[in-house]
Amino acid sequence: MKWITRERPKIDRIACPWLIARFIDTAPEFLYVPSSDVLRLAREESATPYDIPGVEFTHEGELCSFDAFLKKYQLDEPALQQLAQIVRGADTSRLDLTPQSAGLYAISRAVAAFLSSISSADLTIFTPASSPQHFHRKCCANDR
């Protein structure tokens, strides 16, 4: 199944694909596109949009998209509920929600800064087909 959201993933758009791949869809394909193209491409690609306003899997009140997936797919394991609180706290800037939320937020800011420093063409290094060696060569070539 195809899933589509905005490009440059951050907390919710990183946590949701993990949840989907681990508990919802055994062979997911994730598409990250400009915000203005999500709904159009969702129709064209028969993809399920998430983490954008006006779709089923999005923020609702104080809850985030991760929560919407848990509710829809009735994923009520205590560990997932605890993870949802961590994600929610970091994604909605309620860093006092859990002790881990501030740490997750800090990590996500570092990842976002890293992603913004590389070109869109280099983002292919994050596809599942990419080998760890390929990732290392692309990211660390200037470190030598």
Protein backbone atom coordinates (compact mmCIF):
# COMPACT_ATOMS: atom_id res chain seq x y z
CA MET A 1 0.00 0.00 0.00
CA LYS A 2 1.15 3.56 -0.65
CA TRP A 3 1.25 6.25 2.02
CA ILE A 4 1.90 9.91 1.26
CA THR A 5 2.78 12.98 3.31
CA ARG A 6 4.73 16.21 3.21
CA GLU A 7 8.42 16.20 2.35
CA ARG A 8 11.14 16.80 4.93
CA PRO A 9 9.76 14.45 7.60
CA LYS A 10 9.82 15.50 11.22
CA ILE A 11 8.61 13.77 14.39
CA ASP A 12 5.11 12.60 13.42
CA ARG A 13 6.16 11.92 9.82
CA ILE A 14 9.00 9.73 11.07
CA ALA A 15 7.08 7.92 13.82
CA CYS A 16 4.04 7.16 11.63
CA PRO A 17 5.96 5.28 8.91
CA TRP A 18 7.64 3.20 11.61
CA LEU A 19 4.23 2.39 13.10
CA ILE A 20 2.74 1.61 9.69
CA ALA A 21 5.60 -0.68 8.67
CA ARG A 22 5.73 -2.44 12.02
CA PHE A 23 2.02 -2.92 12.81
CA ILE A 24 -0.24 -1.94 9.89
CA ASP A 25 1.18 -2.66 6.43
CA THR A 26 3.59 -5.49 5.63
CA ALA A 27 4.81 -3.87 2.38
CA PRO A 28 4.40 -0.11 2.68
CA GLU A 29 5.66 2.44 0.18
CA PHE A 30 6.15 5.96 1.53
CA LEU A 31 6.00 9.07 -0.63
CA TYR A 32 7.26 12.45 0.61
CA VAL A 33 6.17 15.32 -1.61
CA PRO A 34 5.68 19.10 -1.40
CA SER A 35 2.72 20.02 0.82
CA SER A 36 0.79 21.52 -2.06
CA ASP A 37 0.97 18.23 -3.99
CA VAL A 38 -0.03 15.73 -1.29
CA LEU A 39 -3.76 15.48 -1.97
CA ARG A 40 -3.45 15.52 -5.76
CA LEU A 41 -0.73 12.86 -5.77
CA ALA A 42 -2.64 10.81 -3.19
CA ARG A 43 -5.49 10.56 -5.71
CA GLU A 44 -3.19 9.90 -8.67
CA GLU A 45 -1.11 7.28 -6.84
CA SER A 46 -3.98 5.73 -4.84
CA ALA A 47 -2.00 6.57 -1.73
CA THR A 48 -3.30 7.25 1.77
CA PRO A 49 -2.37 10.76 2.91
CA TYR A 50 -1.33 11.41 6.50
CA ASP A 51 -0.12 14.24 8.72
CA ILE A 52 -1.73 17.01 6.71
CA PRO A 53 -4.89 18.94 7.62
CA GLY A 54 -8.23 17.58 6.48
CA VAL A 55 -7.39 13.88 6.15
CA GLU A 56 -8.22 10.90 8.37
CA PHE A 57 -4.72 10.47 9.79
CA THR A 58 -3.89 13.92 11.10
CA HIS A 59 -3.83 16.03 14.24
CA GLU A 60 -7.10 16.27 16.15
CA GLY A 61 -7.24 18.49 19.19
CA GLU A 62 -4.20 17.68 21.32
CA LEU A 63 -3.58 14.40 19.50
CA CYS A 64 -1.19 13.92 16.59
CA SER A 65 -1.23 11.68 13.50
CA PHE A 66 0.46 8.83 15.39
CA ASP A 67 -2.56 8.80 17.73
CA ALA A 68 -4.94 8.69 14.75
CA PHE A 69 -3.26 5.52 13.44
CA LEU A 70 -3.42 3.88 16.87
CA LYS A 71 -7.14 4.64 17.13
CA LYS A 72 -8.07 3.55 13.58
CA TYR A 73 -6.16 0.26 13.78
CA GLN A 74 -7.05 -0.38 17.44
CA LEU A 75 -3.42 -0.62 18.49
CA ASP A 76 -3.85 -0.43 22.23
CA GLU A 77 -0.72 -2.13 23.54
CA PRO A 78 0.59 -0.24 26.58
CA ALA A 79 4.04 0.27 25.03
CA LEU A 80 2.51 1.88 21.93
CA GLN A 81 0.32 4.10 24.10
CA GLN A 82 3.40 5.22 26.01
CA LEU A 83 5.28 5.85 22.76
CA ALA A 84 2.31 7.87 21.52
CA GLN A 85 2.64 10.18 24.53
CA ILE A 86 6.34 10.68 23.80
CA VAL A 87 5.69 11.41 20.11
CA ARG A 88 2.74 13.67 20.93
CA GLY A 89 4.77 15.69 23.41
CA ALA A 90 7.63 16.20 20.98
CA ASP A 91 5.47 16.80 17.90
CA THR A 92 3.17 19.32 19.56
CA SER A 93 5.97 21.09 21.50
CA ARG A 94 4.48 19.97 24.82
CA LEU A 95 7.91 18.87 25.97
CA ASP A 96 6.78 18.36 29.56
CA LEU A 97 4.25 15.68 28.56
CA THR A 98 6.85 12.95 29.11
CA PRO A 99 10.51 13.05 30.17
CA GLN A 100 11.47 11.60 26.77
CA SER A 101 9.58 14.15 24.66
CA ALA A 102 12.27 16.83 24.98
CA GLY A 103 14.96 14.36 23.93
CA LEU A 104 12.98 13.20 20.92
CA TYR A 105 12.35 16.82 19.97
CA ALA A 106 16.09 17.61 20.18
CA ILE A 107 16.97 14.59 18.04
CA SER A 108 14.36 15.56 15.45
CA ARG A 109 15.78 19.09 15.23
CA ALA A 110 19.23 17.65 14.55
CA VAL A 111 17.86 15.32 11.87
CA ALA A 112 15.92 18.20 10.28
CA ALA A 113 19.07 20.34 10.22
CA PHE A 114 20.99 17.49 8.60
CA LEU A 115 18.30 16.89 5.99
CA SER A 116 18.10 20.57 5.12
CA SER A 117 21.85 20.59 4.51
CA ILE A 118 21.70 18.02 1.71
CA SER A 119 20.14 18.23 -1.71
CA SER A 120 16.88 16.52 -2.65
CA ALA A 121 18.81 14.19 -4.96
CA ASP A 122 20.83 12.94 -2.01
CA LEU A 123 17.67 12.01 -0.11
CA THR A 124 17.62 8.74 -2.03
CA ILE A 125 20.22 7.56 0.47
CA PHE A 126 17.34 6.94 2.87
CA THR A 127 15.50 4.43 0.69
CA PRO A 128 15.37 0.84 1.95
CA ALA A 129 17.33 -0.31 -1.11
CA SER A 130 20.30 1.83 -0.07
CA SER A 131 23.06 -0.08 1.59
CA PRO A 132 24.72 1.18 4.79
CA GLN A 133 27.94 1.48 2.80
CA HIS A 134 26.20 3.72 0.25
CA PHE A 135 24.84 5.87 3.08
CA HIS A 136 28.28 6.15 4.63
CA ARG A 137 29.92 7.11 1.34
CA LYS A 138 27.30 9.77 0.56
CA CYS A 139 27.20 11.31 4.04
CA CYS A 140 30.75 10.97 5.19
CA ALA A 141 32.81 11.51 2.03
CA ASN A 142 33.81 15.00 3.16
CA ASP A 143 34.92 13.74 6.58
CA ARG A 144 38.09 12.14 5.24
